[in-house]
Amino acid sequence: MSQKTSWTDGTSGGTHQGRPWVTPRRIAGLVLTALVLVFIFQNTQHTRIQLLVAWVTMPLWLALLGTGVIGALCGALVVSRRG
């Protein structure tokens, strides 16, 4: 069981129960979100890609995102098969 801790936020003078708003996980999430947005805005040009037999024109960031999602799904499949 986890213990509840008291902390003050410095504004109201009151004591709050639970966890503080700023946690390492939230900071990492904000940093990752910022990096993804920078990646998207830097790769907005369109590129032509061959998907099997059809040629498709799409933004480069979308093509890279799709490749990353496919890679993540393959990695998750391998990890789930091991454990």
Protein backbone atom coordinates (compact mmCIF):
# COMPACT_ATOMS: atom_id res chain seq x y z
CA MET A 1 0.00 0.00 0.00
CA SER A 2 1.25 3.46 -0.73
CA GLN A 3 1.44 6.10 1.94
CA LYS A 4 -0.20 9.45 1.37
CA THR A 5 2.05 12.41 1.95
CA SER A 6 1.21 16.01 2.67
CA TRP A 7 2.72 18.85 0.69
CA THR A 8 2.04 22.52 0.17
CA ASP A 9 2.00 24.27 -3.16
CA GLY A 10 3.15 27.59 -1.74
CA THR A 11 0.13 29.56 -2.97
CA SER A 12 -2.86 28.80 -0.79
CA GLY A 13 -1.04 27.95 2.40
CA GLY A 14 -3.07 24.76 2.66
CA THR A 15 -1.93 21.19 2.82
CA HIS A 16 -2.79 18.81 -0.02
CA GLN A 17 -3.02 15.05 0.17
CA GLY A 18 -1.52 12.91 -2.58
CA ARG A 19 1.20 13.37 -5.15
CA PRO A 20 2.63 16.64 -6.45
CA TRP A 21 1.64 17.74 -9.95
CA VAL A 22 5.21 17.80 -11.29
CA THR A 23 6.59 14.28 -11.55
CA PRO A 24 9.48 12.84 -13.58
CA ARG A 25 6.99 10.91 -15.74
CA ARG A 26 5.07 14.08 -16.62
CA ILE A 27 8.26 15.99 -17.37
CA ALA A 28 9.41 13.17 -19.66
CA GLY A 29 6.02 13.20 -21.39
CA LEU A 30 6.19 16.96 -21.97
CA VAL A 31 9.74 16.72 -23.33
CA LEU A 32 8.75 13.85 -25.64
CA THR A 33 5.72 15.79 -26.86
CA ALA A 34 7.90 18.82 -27.61
CA LEU A 35 10.38 16.67 -29.55
CA VAL A 36 7.58 15.10 -31.60
CA LEU A 37 6.19 18.54 -32.48
CA VAL A 38 9.64 19.78 -33.55
CA PHE A 39 10.06 16.64 -35.66
CA ILE A 40 6.69 17.18 -37.36
CA PHE A 41 7.29 20.86 -38.12
CA GLN A 42 10.74 20.16 -39.56
CA ASN A 43 9.49 17.41 -41.89
CA THR A 44 6.45 18.93 -43.56
CA GLN A 45 7.59 18.56 -47.18
CA HIS A 46 5.77 16.00 -49.30
CA THR A 47 7.54 12.94 -50.58
CA ARG A 48 6.61 10.25 -53.08
CA ILE A 49 6.61 6.69 -51.74
CA GLN A 50 5.87 3.39 -53.45
CA LEU A 51 3.54 1.17 -51.42
CA LEU A 52 3.70 -2.24 -53.08
CA VAL A 53 2.38 -1.29 -56.54
CA ALA A 54 0.85 2.15 -55.92
CA TRP A 55 2.71 5.46 -55.67
CA VAL A 56 1.58 7.72 -52.84
CA THR A 57 2.48 11.35 -52.11
CA MET A 58 2.36 12.22 -48.40
CA PRO A 59 4.14 14.39 -45.84
CA LEU A 60 7.49 12.94 -44.80
CA TRP A 61 6.59 13.06 -41.10
CA LEU A 62 3.54 10.90 -41.72
CA ALA A 63 5.56 8.29 -43.59
CA LEU A 64 8.17 8.19 -40.82
CA LEU A 65 5.48 8.05 -38.13
CA GLY A 66 3.82 5.11 -39.88
CA THR A 67 7.14 3.31 -40.09
CA GLY A 68 7.77 3.96 -36.38
CA VAL A 69 4.33 2.65 -35.41
CA ILE A 70 4.86 -0.52 -37.43
CA GLY A 71 8.27 -0.97 -35.77
CA ALA A 72 6.79 -0.43 -32.30
CA LEU A 73 4.05 -2.97 -32.97
CA CYS A 74 6.62 -5.53 -34.15
CA GLY A 75 8.71 -4.88 -31.03
CA ALA A 76 5.67 -5.26 -28.78
CA LEU A 77 4.81 -8.53 -30.51
CA VAL A 78 8.32 -9.91 -29.92
CA VAL A 79 8.28 -8.85 -26.25
CA SER A 80 4.82 -10.36 -25.66
CA ARG A 81 5.96 -13.67 -27.20
CA ARG A 82 8.96 -13.85 -24.84
CA GLY A 83 7.13 -13.17 -21.60
